[in-house]
Amino acid sequence: MHTGSCLCGTIQYEIDGPLGPIIYCHCSRCRKANGAAFSAVSQVATADLRIVKGEEALRGFDNGKGVHRMFCGHCGSPLFSKRDAMPDIRRLRIGTLDTPIKGKVSAHIFVDSKAEWDEICGDAPRYAEFP
């Protein structure tokens, strides 16, 4: 089991199942949503992700195309995203995990739109868009 929380601790969650591969997404939307060069995400099953504290503080941003970015309404921490087309999957922002994980980045995606000031390091595969 994994646990995680937002920056202020208002929202806490548990994951009862496995984490998927760790992906670094370099698209402009993820950069804006996270205020960083990329977002670090891992897919988890919707059924395995439970908000155990602070669900009333959970807020979402709908991009109008069926993608919802969920965050803490108090501190703004991005927690996960969900897609209408993929109701059984959540894309967890792994920086919000409180438990350690052993995985390493498995891929960089949308590298053709990465920030010009960012240098991608490591030998994980790189994809121009979504593979």
Protein backbone atom coordinates (compact mmCIF):
# COMPACT_ATOMS: atom_id res chain seq x y z
CA MET A 1 0.00 0.00 0.00
CA HIS A 2 1.09 3.55 -0.70
CA THR A 3 -0.03 6.74 1.01
CA GLY A 4 0.20 10.34 -0.07
CA SER A 5 -0.99 13.84 0.66
CA CYS A 6 -1.07 17.41 -0.55
CA LEU A 7 1.40 20.05 0.64
CA CYS A 8 -0.78 21.30 3.50
CA GLY A 9 -1.93 17.81 4.54
CA THR A 10 -5.63 18.60 4.14
CA ILE A 11 -6.05 15.82 1.57
CA GLN A 12 -4.65 12.37 2.26
CA TYR A 13 -5.00 9.30 0.07
CA GLU A 14 -4.18 5.60 -0.04
CA ILE A 15 -3.44 3.32 -2.96
CA ASP A 16 -4.13 -0.38 -2.43
CA GLY A 17 -2.82 -1.61 -5.78
CA PRO A 18 0.34 -1.37 -7.82
CA LEU A 19 1.75 1.78 -9.35
CA GLY A 20 2.22 1.76 -13.10
CA PRO A 21 5.38 2.84 -14.89
CA ILE A 22 6.73 6.26 -14.00
CA ILE A 23 6.38 8.68 -16.90
CA TYR A 24 7.77 12.20 -17.23
CA CYS A 25 5.45 14.28 -19.40
CA HIS A 26 7.01 17.38 -20.97
CA CYS A 27 3.89 18.78 -22.70
CA SER A 28 3.03 22.44 -22.19
CA ARG A 29 -0.18 21.61 -20.31
CA CYS A 30 1.66 19.53 -17.72
CA ARG A 31 4.34 22.18 -17.37
CA LYS A 32 1.71 24.84 -16.67
CA ALA A 33 -0.29 22.62 -14.31
CA ASN A 34 2.80 21.74 -12.26
CA GLY A 35 4.91 24.88 -12.62
CA ALA A 36 7.86 22.70 -13.57
CA ALA A 37 9.72 21.33 -16.61
CA PHE A 38 7.61 18.15 -16.58
CA SER A 39 5.10 16.20 -14.53
CA ALA A 40 6.04 12.88 -12.95
CA VAL A 41 3.06 10.54 -13.13
CA SER A 42 2.16 6.92 -12.63
CA GLN A 43 -1.09 5.27 -13.58
CA VAL A 44 -3.13 3.67 -10.84
CA ALA A 45 -6.47 1.91 -10.99
CA THR A 46 -9.35 4.17 -10.00
CA ALA A 47 -10.64 1.43 -7.68
CA ASP A 48 -7.28 1.35 -5.87
CA LEU A 49 -7.14 5.10 -5.09
CA ARG A 50 -9.03 6.26 -2.00
CA ILE A 51 -9.22 9.74 -0.52
CA VAL A 52 -9.13 9.04 3.22
CA LYS A 53 -9.11 12.62 4.47
CA GLY A 54 -10.12 15.99 3.08
CA GLU A 55 -12.23 14.94 0.09
CA GLU A 56 -14.27 18.12 0.52
CA ALA A 57 -11.12 20.14 -0.35
CA LEU A 58 -10.57 18.28 -3.63
CA ARG A 59 -11.06 20.60 -6.61
CA GLY A 60 -10.81 20.00 -10.30
CA PHE A 61 -10.03 21.80 -13.51
CA ASP A 62 -11.82 20.50 -16.61
CA ASN A 63 -10.02 21.33 -19.85
CA GLY A 64 -13.24 21.02 -21.85
CA LYS A 65 -11.92 17.89 -23.61
CA GLY A 66 -12.68 15.30 -20.95
CA VAL A 67 -9.50 15.72 -18.88
CA HIS A 68 -9.86 16.73 -15.24
CA ARG A 69 -6.85 17.81 -13.17
CA MET A 70 -7.56 17.30 -9.47
CA PHE A 71 -5.83 19.40 -6.82
CA CYS A 72 -6.13 20.61 -3.22
CA GLY A 73 -8.35 23.67 -2.97
CA HIS A 74 -6.32 24.92 0.01
CA CYS A 75 -2.67 24.64 -1.06
CA GLY A 76 -3.04 23.96 -4.79
CA SER A 77 -1.03 20.71 -4.85
CA PRO A 78 -1.78 18.75 -8.05
CA LEU A 79 -2.75 15.22 -6.98
CA PHE A 80 -4.01 13.28 -9.99
CA SER A 81 -5.81 13.60 -13.28
CA LYS A 82 -8.64 11.61 -14.76
CA ARG A 83 -10.06 11.26 -18.25
CA ASP A 84 -13.68 10.70 -19.20
CA ALA A 85 -12.49 8.24 -21.87
CA MET A 86 -10.53 6.20 -19.29
CA PRO A 87 -12.70 6.00 -16.15
CA ASP A 88 -10.76 3.07 -14.65
CA ILE A 89 -7.40 4.92 -14.60
CA ARG A 90 -6.01 7.83 -12.60
CA ARG A 91 -2.69 9.51 -13.37
CA LEU A 92 -1.15 10.08 -9.96
CA ARG A 93 1.36 12.91 -9.44
CA ILE A 94 3.99 10.80 -7.72
CA GLY A 95 5.60 13.77 -6.01
CA THR A 96 2.65 13.69 -3.60
CA LEU A 97 3.46 10.17 -2.35
CA ASP A 98 4.53 9.92 1.29
CA THR A 99 5.74 6.33 1.00
CA PRO A 100 8.96 5.50 -0.85
CA ILE A 101 8.85 3.80 -4.23
CA LYS A 102 11.56 1.82 -5.98
CA GLY A 103 10.64 2.54 -9.58
CA LYS A 104 12.66 4.68 -11.94
CA VAL A 105 11.43 6.80 -14.84
CA SER A 106 10.44 4.50 -17.70
CA ALA A 107 9.86 7.11 -20.42
CA HIS A 108 9.79 10.79 -21.32
CA ILE A 109 6.78 11.78 -23.42
CA PHE A 110 5.95 14.86 -25.49
CA VAL A 111 9.63 15.75 -25.67
CA ASP A 112 9.07 17.70 -28.91
CA SER A 113 7.25 20.32 -26.84
CA LYS A 114 9.57 20.32 -23.82
CA ALA A 115 10.72 23.61 -22.29
CA GLU A 116 13.68 24.98 -24.24
CA TRP A 117 15.57 25.57 -20.98
CA ASP A 118 15.17 21.96 -19.83
CA GLU A 119 17.78 19.28 -20.48
CA ILE A 120 16.48 15.72 -20.33
CA CYS A 121 18.90 13.48 -18.46
CA GLY A 122 19.15 9.73 -18.16
CA ASP A 123 18.69 6.96 -20.66
CA ALA A 124 14.91 6.34 -20.43
CA PRO A 125 13.23 6.22 -23.84
CA ARG A 126 12.03 9.54 -25.28
CA TYR A 127 8.92 9.98 -27.38
CA ALA A 128 7.93 12.97 -29.49
CA GLU A 129 4.32 12.55 -28.32
CA PHE A 130 2.40 9.80 -26.57
CA PRO A 131 3.82 6.42 -27.67
